[in-house]
């Protein structure tokens, strides 16, 4: 089903972007009025694809359809962009925000990641990426359910390297960078690797550094270097682009505390936020259990040394900036 117009696109969301024969294409899925409430966008997609309608009908277009839809029906502009260093509370924040029906919460949509990194696969895409990203987020920001007022976007950890593109598109949108002690992140990543922790699994990204012999690195060195680079880029986001540094240790209280004005939250929202915070963000059926000390106890001397070498300075820089940031009134971070 190739042809689409603004009227028959209502209820449809892009779920995949890929390049074929030199052209970027999109797969769409019909969500109707299904809210995005699961820990990750892909979880919402999995549920939607079980609908008989989506099993019977497939819709595919080029990116021109996305651009045309934005012109015909502009969606919500992002109210917040949430960057993070992985394993540091971003899923919890997204789940808490999604508990409020006025929020449309995107949690690491693969289509956004694909278009943010399109220039690595297709250098000619660089000039078109801003228009593509703007149109994509406009599509996600369509009001499909009653009462939706704000679009919150949680990005993948490696998307922090594309933060300048998003700043150019949405200069007044608050940008939050979530992080935690890199020792705890590295222990978690060694235990259960994310996509960016396994060389070659993620595909081309800004994490690739010319001249490095990745094959010669141990998993510990590669992981520590990777987390260190993300933290360093997060530091640059906060230092040069007005990003707000938030340590995992501040959650969940920061949402109804110092971040409430940034995120448009009020005292009325606090009970719902507290209810969600009591559960494990990635396994909502389970109670939350703090694991920071357990991860620190698990770290060997080798892990501690590698983390200190490759990620320690960036973390300390973020902590210094956060202490300063906490003393500034809202609106004086730029």
C-alpha atoms as a PDB file:
ATOM      1  CA  UNK A   1       0.000   0.000   0.000  1.00  0.00           C
ATOM      2  CA  UNK A   2       2.086   2.901  -1.301  1.00  0.00           C
ATOM      3  CA  UNK A   3      -0.292   5.820  -1.710  1.00  0.00           C
ATOM      4  CA  UNK A   4      -1.082   7.786   1.440  1.00  0.00           C
ATOM      5  CA  UNK A   5      -2.661  11.138   2.218  1.00  0.00           C
ATOM      6  CA  UNK A   6      -3.127  13.049   5.446  1.00  0.00           C
ATOM      7  CA  UNK A   7      -6.616  11.654   5.990  1.00  0.00           C
ATOM      8  CA  UNK A   8      -5.751   7.959   5.708  1.00  0.00           C
ATOM      9  CA  UNK A   9      -2.492   8.247   7.704  1.00  0.00           C
ATOM     10  CA  UNK A  10      -4.302   8.894  10.988  1.00  0.00           C
ATOM     11  CA  UNK A  11      -3.520   6.111  13.439  1.00  0.00           C
ATOM     12  CA  UNK A  12      -0.415   4.937  11.528  1.00  0.00           C
ATOM     13  CA  UNK A  13       3.156   5.240  12.877  1.00  0.00           C
ATOM     14  CA  UNK A  14       6.502   4.552  11.165  1.00  0.00           C
ATOM     15  CA  UNK A  15       8.193   1.480  12.640  1.00  0.00           C
ATOM     16  CA  UNK A  16      11.208   0.902  10.373  1.00  0.00           C
ATOM     17  CA  UNK A  17      13.427   2.864   7.993  1.00  0.00           C
ATOM     18  CA  UNK A  18      15.856   1.262   5.591  1.00  0.00           C
ATOM     19  CA  UNK A  19      17.674   1.946   2.337  1.00  0.00           C
ATOM     20  CA  UNK A  20      16.889   0.045  -0.872  1.00  0.00           C
ATOM     21  CA  UNK A  21      18.326   0.747  -4.314  1.00  0.00           C
ATOM     22  CA  UNK A  22      19.546   4.144  -3.152  1.00  0.00           C
ATOM     23  CA  UNK A  23      16.165   5.187  -1.710  1.00  0.00           C
ATOM     24  CA  UNK A  24      15.137   5.374   1.926  1.00  0.00           C
ATOM     25  CA  UNK A  25      11.895   3.542   2.695  1.00  0.00           C
ATOM     26  CA  UNK A  26       9.508   3.314   5.640  1.00  0.00           C
ATOM     27  CA  UNK A  27       7.376   0.542   7.079  1.00  0.00           C
ATOM     28  CA  UNK A  28       4.222   1.685   8.874  1.00  0.00           C
ATOM     29  CA  UNK A  29       2.033   0.018  11.482  1.00  0.00           C
ATOM     30  CA  UNK A  30      -1.533   0.901  12.435  1.00  0.00           C
ATOM     31  CA  UNK A  31      -1.822   1.773  16.129  1.00  0.00           C
ATOM     32  CA  UNK A  32      -5.208   3.441  16.080  1.00  0.00           C
ATOM     33  CA  UNK A  33      -5.664   4.958  19.553  1.00  0.00           C
ATOM     34  CA  UNK A  34      -3.236   2.567  21.276  1.00  0.00           C
ATOM     35  CA  UNK A  35      -1.055   4.636  23.601  1.00  0.00           C
ATOM     36  CA  UNK A  36       2.701   4.093  23.789  1.00  0.00           C
ATOM     37  CA  UNK A  37       3.109   2.883  27.358  1.00  0.00           C
ATOM     38  CA  UNK A  38       5.575  -0.014  27.283  1.00  0.00           C
ATOM     39  CA  UNK A  39       9.229   0.214  28.315  1.00  0.00           C
ATOM     40  CA  UNK A  40      10.409   0.455  24.687  1.00  0.00           C
ATOM     41  CA  UNK A  41       8.742   1.504  21.447  1.00  0.00           C
ATOM     42  CA  UNK A  42       9.520  -1.911  19.954  1.00  0.00           C
ATOM     43  CA  UNK A  43       7.354  -3.477  22.692  1.00  0.00           C
ATOM     44  CA  UNK A  44       4.405  -1.331  21.604  1.00  0.00           C
ATOM     45  CA  UNK A  45       5.102  -2.330  17.992  1.00  0.00           C
ATOM     46  CA  UNK A  46       5.090  -6.018  18.903  1.00  0.00           C
ATOM     47  CA  UNK A  47       1.670  -5.640  20.485  1.00  0.00           C
ATOM     48  CA  UNK A  48       0.260  -3.647  17.562  1.00  0.00           C
ATOM     49  CA  UNK A  49       1.526  -6.169  15.015  1.00  0.00           C
ATOM     50  CA  UNK A  50      -0.624  -8.843  16.682  1.00  0.00           C
ATOM     51  CA  UNK A  51      -3.762  -7.005  15.604  1.00  0.00           C
ATOM     52  CA  UNK A  52      -5.527  -8.862  12.759  1.00  0.00           C
ATOM     53  CA  UNK A  53      -5.567  -5.657  10.705  1.00  0.00           C
ATOM     54  CA  UNK A  54      -1.770  -5.372  10.790  1.00  0.00           C
ATOM     55  CA  UNK A  55      -1.390  -9.048   9.933  1.00  0.00           C
ATOM     56  CA  UNK A  56      -3.562  -8.570   6.859  1.00  0.00           C
ATOM     57  CA  UNK A  57      -2.297  -5.175   5.663  1.00  0.00           C
ATOM     58  CA  UNK A  58       1.210  -3.828   5.243  1.00  0.00           C
ATOM     59  CA  UNK A  59       1.938  -0.218   4.373  1.00  0.00           C
ATOM     60  CA  UNK A  60       5.230   0.950   2.917  1.00  0.00           C
ATOM     61  CA  UNK A  61       6.254   4.342   1.522  1.00  0.00           C
ATOM     62  CA  UNK A  62       9.197   6.526   0.680  1.00  0.00           C
ATOM     63  CA  UNK A  63      10.164   9.422   2.906  1.00  0.00           C
ATOM     64  CA  UNK A  64       8.256  11.869   0.696  1.00  0.00           C
ATOM     65  CA  UNK A  65       5.015  10.613   2.263  1.00  0.00           C
ATOM     66  CA  UNK A  66       6.409  11.531   5.677  1.00  0.00           C
ATOM     67  CA  UNK A  67       7.289  15.049   4.520  1.00  0.00           C
ATOM     68  CA  UNK A  68       3.893  15.531   2.886  1.00  0.00           C
ATOM     69  CA  UNK A  69       2.098  14.439   6.055  1.00  0.00           C
ATOM     70  CA  UNK A  70       3.992  16.959   8.143  1.00  0.00           C
ATOM     71  CA  UNK A  71       2.859  19.734   5.789  1.00  0.00           C
ATOM     72  CA  UNK A  72      -0.751  18.554   5.835  1.00  0.00           C
ATOM     73  CA  UNK A  73      -0.948  17.728   9.544  1.00  0.00           C
ATOM     74  CA  UNK A  74       1.866  19.052  11.773  1.00  0.00           C
ATOM     75  CA  UNK A  75       2.228  17.046  14.963  1.00  0.00           C
ATOM     76  CA  UNK A  76       3.393  17.971  18.433  1.00  0.00           C
ATOM     77  CA  UNK A  77       6.905  19.385  18.731  1.00  0.00           C
ATOM     78  CA  UNK A  78       9.079  17.546  21.291  1.00  0.00           C
ATOM     79  CA  UNK A  79       8.673  18.950  24.794  1.00  0.00           C
ATOM     80  CA  UNK A  80      11.781  17.152  26.076  1.00  0.00           C
ATOM     81  CA  UNK A  81      14.672  15.163  24.631  1.00  0.00           C
ATOM     82  CA  UNK A  82      16.102  12.559  26.998  1.00  0.00           C
ATOM     83  CA  UNK A  83      19.663  11.418  26.308  1.00  0.00           C
ATOM     84  CA  UNK A  84      21.412   8.873  28.492  1.00  0.00           C
ATOM     85  CA  UNK A  85      24.507   6.740  29.021  1.00  0.00           C
ATOM     86  CA  UNK A  86      22.550   3.434  29.266  1.00  0.00           C
ATOM     87  CA  UNK A  87      21.550   1.534  32.410  1.00  0.00           C
ATOM     88  CA  UNK A  88      21.005   4.795  34.278  1.00  0.00           C
ATOM     89  CA  UNK A  89      17.278   5.306  34.735  1.00  0.00           C
ATOM     90  CA  UNK A  90      16.113   6.567  31.337  1.00  0.00           C
ATOM     91  CA  UNK A  91      13.551   3.775  31.011  1.00  0.00           C
ATOM     92  CA  UNK A  92      12.233   4.609  34.473  1.00  0.00           C
ATOM     93  CA  UNK A  93      11.884   8.256  33.484  1.00  0.00           C
ATOM     94  CA  UNK A  94      10.079   7.334  30.261  1.00  0.00           C
ATOM     95  CA  UNK A  95       7.701   4.998  32.095  1.00  0.00           C
ATOM     96  CA  UNK A  96       6.902   7.635  34.687  1.00  0.00           C
ATOM     97  CA  UNK A  97       6.164  10.237  32.011  1.00  0.00           C
ATOM     98  CA  UNK A  98       4.052   7.738  30.047  1.00  0.00           C
ATOM     99  CA  UNK A  99       1.827   7.232  33.094  1.00  0.00           C
ATOM    100  CA  UNK A 100       0.345  10.682  32.430  1.00  0.00           C
ATOM    101  CA  UNK A 101      -2.175  10.565  29.589  1.00  0.00           C
ATOM    102  CA  UNK A 102      -1.249  14.002  28.271  1.00  0.00           C
ATOM    103  CA  UNK A 103       2.151  12.618  27.249  1.00  0.00           C
ATOM    104  CA  UNK A 104       3.136  10.833  24.061  1.00  0.00           C
ATOM    105  CA  UNK A 105       6.367   9.079  25.059  1.00  0.00           C
ATOM    106  CA  UNK A 106       8.738   7.665  22.462  1.00  0.00           C
ATOM    107  CA  UNK A 107      11.199   5.234  23.995  1.00  0.00           C
ATOM    108  CA  UNK A 108      14.099   4.549  21.618  1.00  0.00           C
ATOM    109  CA  UNK A 109      12.135   4.136  18.367  1.00  0.00           C
ATOM    110  CA  UNK A 110      14.384   2.272  15.872  1.00  0.00           C
ATOM    111  CA  UNK A 111      13.180   4.442  12.968  1.00  0.00           C
ATOM    112  CA  UNK A 112      14.507   7.562  14.654  1.00  0.00           C
ATOM    113  CA  UNK A 113      17.847   5.872  15.297  1.00  0.00           C
ATOM    114  CA  UNK A 114      18.080   4.785  11.652  1.00  0.00           C
ATOM    115  CA  UNK A 115      17.452   8.280  10.311  1.00  0.00           C
ATOM    116  CA  UNK A 116      19.768   9.925  12.846  1.00  0.00           C
ATOM    117  CA  UNK A 117      22.584   7.648  11.659  1.00  0.00           C
ATOM    118  CA  UNK A 118      21.608   7.656   7.973  1.00  0.00           C
ATOM    119  CA  UNK A 119      24.693   9.677   6.995  1.00  0.00           C
ATOM    120  CA  UNK A 120      26.977   6.827   8.022  1.00  0.00           C
ATOM    121  CA  UNK A 121      25.381   4.557   5.398  1.00  0.00           C
ATOM    122  CA  UNK A 122      24.517   7.253   2.866  1.00  0.00           C
ATOM    123  CA  UNK A 123      26.697  10.404   2.896  1.00  0.00           C
ATOM    124  CA  UNK A 124      24.243  12.097   0.521  1.00  0.00           C
ATOM    125  CA  UNK A 125      21.596  11.897   3.271  1.00  0.00           C
ATOM    126  CA  UNK A 126      23.318  14.519   5.438  1.00  0.00           C
ATOM    127  CA  UNK A 127      21.618  17.481   3.796  1.00  0.00           C
ATOM    128  CA  UNK A 128      18.180  15.865   4.072  1.00  0.00           C
ATOM    129  CA  UNK A 129      18.385  14.503   7.602  1.00  0.00           C
ATOM    130  CA  UNK A 130      17.024  17.593   9.394  1.00  0.00           C
ATOM    131  CA  UNK A 131      13.854  17.527   7.248  1.00  0.00           C
ATOM    132  CA  UNK A 132      13.496  13.764   7.676  1.00  0.00           C
ATOM    133  CA  UNK A 133      13.893  13.888  11.460  1.00  0.00           C
ATOM    134  CA  UNK A 134      11.488  16.805  11.807  1.00  0.00           C
ATOM    135  CA  UNK A 135       8.860  15.018   9.704  1.00  0.00           C
ATOM    136  CA  UNK A 136       9.358  11.735  11.558  1.00  0.00           C
ATOM    137  CA  UNK A 137       8.855  13.322  14.969  1.00  0.00           C
ATOM    138  CA  UNK A 138       5.852  15.203  13.581  1.00  0.00           C
ATOM    139  CA  UNK A 139       4.386  11.830  12.606  1.00  0.00           C
ATOM    140  CA  UNK A 140       4.991  10.447  16.096  1.00  0.00           C
ATOM    141  CA  UNK A 141       3.566  13.647  17.554  1.00  0.00           C
ATOM    142  CA  UNK A 142       0.146  13.271  15.904  1.00  0.00           C
ATOM    143  CA  UNK A 143      -2.621  13.374  18.492  1.00  0.00           C
ATOM    144  CA  UNK A 144      -4.118   9.891  18.253  1.00  0.00           C
ATOM    145  CA  UNK A 145      -5.712   9.866  21.699  1.00  0.00           C
ATOM    146  CA  UNK A 146      -7.803  12.431  23.538  1.00  0.00           C
ATOM    147  CA  UNK A 147      -5.864  14.739  25.820  1.00  0.00           C
ATOM    148  CA  UNK A 148      -2.382  14.253  24.332  1.00  0.00           C
ATOM    149  CA  UNK A 149      -0.489  17.526  24.678  1.00  0.00           C
ATOM    150  CA  UNK A 150       3.241  16.854  24.980  1.00  0.00           C
ATOM    151  CA  UNK A 151       5.747  14.701  23.080  1.00  0.00           C
ATOM    152  CA  UNK A 152       8.615  13.275  25.141  1.00  0.00           C
ATOM    153  CA  UNK A 153      11.465  11.560  23.287  1.00  0.00           C
ATOM    154  CA  UNK A 154      13.915   9.156  24.899  1.00  0.00           C
ATOM    155  CA  UNK A 155      16.794   8.407  22.537  1.00  0.00           C
ATOM    156  CA  UNK A 156      19.287   5.564  22.312  1.00  0.00           C
ATOM    157  CA  UNK A 157      22.512   5.958  24.275  1.00  0.00           C
ATOM    158  CA  UNK A 158      24.617   6.523  21.137  1.00  0.00           C
ATOM    159  CA  UNK A 159      22.215   9.207  19.879  1.00  0.00           C
ATOM    160  CA  UNK A 160      23.956  11.738  22.114  1.00  0.00           C
ATOM    161  CA  UNK A 161      26.475  12.094  19.277  1.00  0.00           C
ATOM    162  CA  UNK A 162      23.652  13.435  17.065  1.00  0.00           C
ATOM    163  CA  UNK A 163      22.449  15.918  19.696  1.00  0.00           C
ATOM    164  CA  UNK A 164      23.593  18.960  17.700  1.00  0.00           C
ATOM    165  CA  UNK A 165      21.263  18.016  14.825  1.00  0.00           C
ATOM    166  CA  UNK A 166      18.332  17.850  17.226  1.00  0.00           C
ATOM    167  CA  UNK A 167      19.357  21.097  18.895  1.00  0.00           C
ATOM    168  CA  UNK A 168      19.271  22.798  15.506  1.00  0.00           C
ATOM    169  CA  UNK A 169      15.729  21.533  14.939  1.00  0.00           C
ATOM    170  CA  UNK A 170      14.421  22.202  18.448  1.00  0.00           C
ATOM    171  CA  UNK A 171      16.614  24.873  20.057  1.00  0.00           C
ATOM    172  CA  UNK A 172      14.123  25.667  22.839  1.00  0.00           C
ATOM    173  CA  UNK A 173      13.365  22.037  23.760  1.00  0.00           C
ATOM    174  CA  UNK A 174      14.956  20.980  27.078  1.00  0.00           C
ATOM    175  CA  UNK A 175      17.681  18.354  26.714  1.00  0.00           C
ATOM    176  CA  UNK A 176      18.337  16.053  29.652  1.00  0.00           C
ATOM    177  CA  UNK A 177      21.393  13.815  29.979  1.00  0.00           C
ATOM    178  CA  UNK A 178      20.994  10.915  32.403  1.00  0.00           C
ATOM    179  CA  UNK A 179      24.093   9.125  33.645  1.00  0.00           C
ATOM    180  CA  UNK A 180      25.426   7.256  36.647  1.00  0.00           C
ATOM    181  CA  UNK A 181      28.733   6.112  38.083  1.00  0.00           C
ATOM    182  CA  UNK A 182      30.413   4.443  35.071  1.00  0.00           C
ATOM    183  CA  UNK A 183      31.589   1.591  37.270  1.00  0.00           C
ATOM    184  CA  UNK A 184      27.957   0.539  37.679  1.00  0.00           C
ATOM    185  CA  UNK A 185      27.222   0.967  33.958  1.00  0.00           C
ATOM    186  CA  UNK A 186      30.223  -1.085  32.891  1.00  0.00           C
ATOM    187  CA  UNK A 187      29.437  -3.898  35.324  1.00  0.00           C
ATOM    188  CA  UNK A 188      25.888  -4.004  33.984  1.00  0.00           C
ATOM    189  CA  UNK A 189      27.071  -3.967  30.359  1.00  0.00           C
ATOM    190  CA  UNK A 190      29.588  -6.750  30.964  1.00  0.00           C
ATOM    191  CA  UNK A 191      26.872  -8.812  32.598  1.00  0.00           C
ATOM    192  CA  UNK A 192      24.232  -8.164  29.919  1.00  0.00           C
ATOM    193  CA  UNK A 193      25.627  -6.440  26.811  1.00  0.00           C
ATOM    194  CA  UNK A 194      23.641  -3.786  24.987  1.00  0.00           C
ATOM    195  CA  UNK A 195      23.857  -3.363  21.210  1.00  0.00           C
ATOM    196  CA  UNK A 196      26.625  -0.781  21.395  1.00  0.00           C
ATOM    197  CA  UNK A 197      28.695  -2.982  23.709  1.00  0.00           C
ATOM    198  CA  UNK A 198      29.231  -5.703  21.074  1.00  0.00           C
ATOM    199  CA  UNK A 199      31.598  -4.616  18.272  1.00  0.00           C
ATOM    200  CA  UNK A 200      29.831  -4.657  14.897  1.00  0.00           C
ATOM    201  CA  UNK A 201      26.333  -5.300  16.254  1.00  0.00           C
ATOM    202  CA  UNK A 202      25.132  -1.707  16.224  1.00  0.00           C
ATOM    203  CA  UNK A 203      26.398  -0.876  12.745  1.00  0.00           C
ATOM    204  CA  UNK A 204      28.128   2.362  11.707  1.00  0.00           C
ATOM    205  CA  UNK A 205      27.959   5.068  14.357  1.00  0.00           C
ATOM    206  CA  UNK A 206      29.941   7.879  15.949  1.00  0.00           C
ATOM    207  CA  UNK A 207      31.303   5.316  18.412  1.00  0.00           C
ATOM    208  CA  UNK A 208      33.571   4.033  15.631  1.00  0.00           C
ATOM    209  CA  UNK A 209      37.049   5.580  15.810  1.00  0.00           C
ATOM    210  CA  UNK A 210      39.386   5.347  12.841  1.00  0.00           C
ATOM    211  CA  UNK A 211      42.644   3.549  13.529  1.00  0.00           C
ATOM    212  CA  UNK A 212      41.455   1.605  16.561  1.00  0.00           C
ATOM    213  CA  UNK A 213      42.054  -2.127  16.579  1.00  0.00           C
ATOM    214  CA  UNK A 214      38.849  -3.240  18.222  1.00  0.00           C
ATOM    215  CA  UNK A 215      39.703  -6.902  17.749  1.00  0.00           C
ATOM    216  CA  UNK A 216      42.718  -6.434  20.004  1.00  0.00           C
ATOM    217  CA  UNK A 217      40.619  -4.993  22.847  1.00  0.00           C
ATOM    218  CA  UNK A 218      39.224  -7.036  25.676  1.00  0.00           C
ATOM    219  CA  UNK A 219      35.490  -6.737  26.370  1.00  0.00           C
ATOM    220  CA  UNK A 220      36.385  -4.728  29.470  1.00  0.00           C
ATOM    221  CA  UNK A 221      38.503  -2.192  27.584  1.00  0.00           C
ATOM    222  CA  UNK A 222      36.003  -1.835  24.745  1.00  0.00           C
ATOM    223  CA  UNK A 223      33.115  -1.374  27.164  1.00  0.00           C
ATOM    224  CA  UNK A 224      34.963   1.148  29.316  1.00  0.00           C
ATOM    225  CA  UNK A 225      36.057   3.154  26.273  1.00  0.00           C
ATOM    226  CA  UNK A 226      32.527   3.130  24.848  1.00  0.00           C
ATOM    227  CA  UNK A 227      30.899   4.319  28.068  1.00  0.00           C
ATOM    228  CA  UNK A 228      33.635   6.908  28.491  1.00  0.00           C
ATOM    229  CA  UNK A 229      32.953   8.345  25.036  1.00  0.00           C
ATOM    230  CA  UNK A 230      29.215   8.550  25.681  1.00  0.00           C
ATOM    231  CA  UNK A 231      29.820  10.299  29.015  1.00  0.00           C
ATOM    232  CA  UNK A 232      32.245  12.717  27.365  1.00  0.00           C
ATOM    233  CA  UNK A 233      29.704  13.542  24.682  1.00  0.00           C
ATOM    234  CA  UNK A 234      27.045  13.967  27.357  1.00  0.00           C
ATOM    235  CA  UNK A 235      29.376  16.365  29.136  1.00  0.00           C
ATOM    236  CA  UNK A 236      29.707  18.380  25.917  1.00  0.00           C
ATOM    237  CA  UNK A 237      25.925  18.363  25.502  1.00  0.00           C
ATOM    238  CA  UNK A 238      25.510  19.831  28.977  1.00  0.00           C
ATOM    239  CA  UNK A 239      28.461  22.203  28.817  1.00  0.00           C
ATOM    240  CA  UNK A 240      28.029  23.601  25.302  1.00  0.00           C
ATOM    241  CA  UNK A 241      24.369  22.997  24.416  1.00  0.00           C
ATOM    242  CA  UNK A 242      22.509  23.735  27.616  1.00  0.00           C
ATOM    243  CA  UNK A 243      21.788  20.118  28.482  1.00  0.00           C
ATOM    244  CA  UNK A 244      20.708  19.303  32.032  1.00  0.00           C
ATOM    245  CA  UNK A 245      22.887  16.686  33.781  1.00  0.00           C
ATOM    246  CA  UNK A 246      20.935  14.258  35.966  1.00  0.00           C
ATOM    247  CA  UNK A 247      22.574  11.508  37.984  1.00  0.00           C
ATOM    248  CA  UNK A 248      20.779   8.182  38.417  1.00  0.00           C
ATOM    249  CA  UNK A 249      21.098   8.707  42.176  1.00  0.00           C
ATOM    250  CA  UNK A 250      18.615  11.620  41.907  1.00  0.00           C
ATOM    251  CA  UNK A 251      15.819   9.428  40.573  1.00  0.00           C
ATOM    252  CA  UNK A 252      12.919   9.191  40.945  1.00  0.00           C
ATOM    253  CA  UNK A 253      12.657  12.289  43.176  1.00  0.00           C
ATOM    254  CA  UNK A 254      14.137  14.594  40.540  1.00  0.00           C
ATOM    255  CA  UNK A 255      11.002  14.273  38.387  1.00  0.00           C
ATOM    256  CA  UNK A 256       8.729  15.868  40.958  1.00  0.00           C
ATOM    257  CA  UNK A 257      11.634  17.966  42.236  1.00  0.00           C
ATOM    258  CA  UNK A 258      14.121  19.996  40.215  1.00  0.00           C
ATOM    259  CA  UNK A 259      13.012  18.637  36.805  1.00  0.00           C
ATOM    260  CA  UNK A 260       9.288  19.309  37.329  1.00  0.00           C
ATOM    261  CA  UNK A 261       9.352  22.821  35.808  1.00  0.00           C
ATOM    262  CA  UNK A 262      11.454  21.569  32.874  1.00  0.00           C
ATOM    263  CA  UNK A 263       9.059  18.712  32.132  1.00  0.00           C
ATOM    264  CA  UNK A 264       5.855  20.629  32.809  1.00  0.00           C
ATOM    265  CA  UNK A 265       4.936  18.516  35.851  1.00  0.00           C
ATOM    266  CA  UNK A 266       2.880  19.678  38.822  1.00  0.00           C
ATOM    267  CA  UNK A 267       2.093  18.451  42.324  1.00  0.00           C
ATOM    268  CA  UNK A 268      -1.074  16.842  40.974  1.00  0.00           C
ATOM    269  CA  UNK A 269       1.103  14.482  38.904  1.00  0.00           C
ATOM    270  CA  UNK A 270       3.242  13.284  41.801  1.00  0.00           C
ATOM    271  CA  UNK A 271       1.065  10.372  43.046  1.00  0.00           C
ATOM    272  CA  UNK A 272       0.965   8.747  39.589  1.00  0.00           C
ATOM    273  CA  UNK A 273       4.709   9.230  39.176  1.00  0.00           C
ATOM    274  CA  UNK A 274       5.409   7.691  42.579  1.00  0.00           C
ATOM    275  CA  UNK A 275       3.239   4.671  41.769  1.00  0.00           C
ATOM    276  CA  UNK A 276       5.268   3.899  38.632  1.00  0.00           C
ATOM    277  CA  UNK A 277       8.584   4.490  40.405  1.00  0.00           C
ATOM    278  CA  UNK A 278       7.808   1.638  42.795  1.00  0.00           C
ATOM    279  CA  UNK A 279       8.107  -0.937  39.987  1.00  0.00           C
ATOM    280  CA  UNK A 280      11.008  -2.164  37.858  1.00  0.00           C
ATOM    281  CA  UNK A 281      10.951  -0.004  34.708  1.00  0.00           C
ATOM    282  CA  UNK A 282      11.960  -2.802  32.321  1.00  0.00           C
ATOM    283  CA  UNK A 283       9.837  -5.449  34.045  1.00  0.00           C
ATOM    284  CA  UNK A 284       6.767  -3.507  35.226  1.00  0.00           C
ATOM    285  CA  UNK A 285       5.260  -6.543  36.936  1.00  0.00           C
ATOM    286  CA  UNK A 286       8.147  -6.612  39.437  1.00  0.00           C
ATOM    287  CA  UNK A 287       8.942  -4.292  42.341  1.00  0.00           C
ATOM    288  CA  UNK A 288      11.980  -2.052  41.941  1.00  0.00           C
ATOM    289  CA  UNK A 289      15.117  -3.147  43.787  1.00  0.00           C
ATOM    290  CA  UNK A 290      18.155  -0.861  44.044  1.00  0.00           C
ATOM    291  CA  UNK A 291      21.304  -2.546  42.737  1.00  0.00           C
ATOM    292  CA  UNK A 292      24.011   0.129  42.761  1.00  0.00           C
ATOM    293  CA  UNK A 293      25.897  -1.278  45.732  1.00  0.00           C
ATOM    294  CA  UNK A 294      25.637  -4.821  44.403  1.00  0.00           C
ATOM    295  CA  UNK A 295      27.203  -3.738  41.105  1.00  0.00           C
ATOM    296  CA  UNK A 296      29.981  -1.893  42.879  1.00  0.00           C
ATOM    297  CA  UNK A 297      30.725  -4.919  45.049  1.00  0.00           C
ATOM    298  CA  UNK A 298      30.873  -7.074  41.916  1.00  0.00           C
ATOM    299  CA  UNK A 299      33.551  -4.941  40.264  1.00  0.00           C
ATOM    300  CA  UNK A 300      37.060  -6.392  40.303  1.00  0.00           C
ATOM    301  CA  UNK A 301      40.222  -4.296  40.606  1.00  0.00           C
ATOM    302  CA  UNK A 302      40.737  -4.630  36.838  1.00  0.00           C
ATOM    303  CA  UNK A 303      37.252  -3.278  36.172  1.00  0.00           C
ATOM    304  CA  UNK A 304      37.808  -0.373  38.538  1.00  0.00           C
ATOM    305  CA  UNK A 305      41.127   0.504  36.908  1.00  0.00           C
ATOM    306  CA  UNK A 306      39.718   0.363  33.358  1.00  0.00           C
ATOM    307  CA  UNK A 307      36.698   2.478  34.247  1.00  0.00           C
ATOM    308  CA  UNK A 308      38.850   5.056  36.020  1.00  0.00           C
ATOM    309  CA  UNK A 309      41.175   5.262  33.004  1.00  0.00           C
ATOM    310  CA  UNK A 310      38.587   5.530  30.238  1.00  0.00           C
ATOM    311  CA  UNK A 311      35.513   7.068  31.886  1.00  0.00           C
ATOM    312  CA  UNK A 312      36.498   8.599  35.192  1.00  0.00           C
ATOM    313  CA  UNK A 313      37.317  12.131  34.018  1.00  0.00           C
ATOM    314  CA  UNK A 314      34.093  12.510  32.021  1.00  0.00           C
ATOM    315  CA  UNK A 315      32.029  11.358  34.981  1.00  0.00           C
ATOM    316  CA  UNK A 316      33.740  13.772  37.337  1.00  0.00           C
ATOM    317  CA  UNK A 317      33.194  16.569  34.814  1.00  0.00           C
ATOM    318  CA  UNK A 318      29.480  15.796  34.710  1.00  0.00           C
ATOM    319  CA  UNK A 319      29.292  15.742  38.498  1.00  0.00           C
ATOM    320  CA  UNK A 320      30.982  19.145  38.755  1.00  0.00           C
ATOM    321  CA  UNK A 321      28.619  20.564  36.169  1.00  0.00           C
ATOM    322  CA  UNK A 322      25.593  19.040  37.907  1.00  0.00           C
ATOM    323  CA  UNK A 323      26.522  20.655  41.204  1.00  0.00           C
ATOM    324  CA  UNK A 324      26.693  24.029  39.462  1.00  0.00           C
ATOM    325  CA  UNK A 325      23.491  23.345  37.525  1.00  0.00           C
ATOM    326  CA  UNK A 326      21.574  22.614  40.708  1.00  0.00           C
ATOM    327  CA  UNK A 327      22.316  26.121  41.955  1.00  0.00           C
ATOM    328  CA  UNK A 328      20.971  27.855  38.827  1.00  0.00           C
ATOM    329  CA  UNK A 329      17.363  28.996  38.402  1.00  0.00           C
ATOM    330  CA  UNK A 330      15.368  27.298  35.653  1.00  0.00           C
ATOM    331  CA  UNK A 331      16.067  29.055  32.339  1.00  0.00           C
ATOM    332  CA  UNK A 332      19.659  30.104  33.117  1.00  0.00           C
ATOM    333  CA  UNK A 333      21.465  26.972  31.881  1.00  0.00           C
ATOM    334  CA  UNK A 334      22.254  28.229  28.375  1.00  0.00           C
END
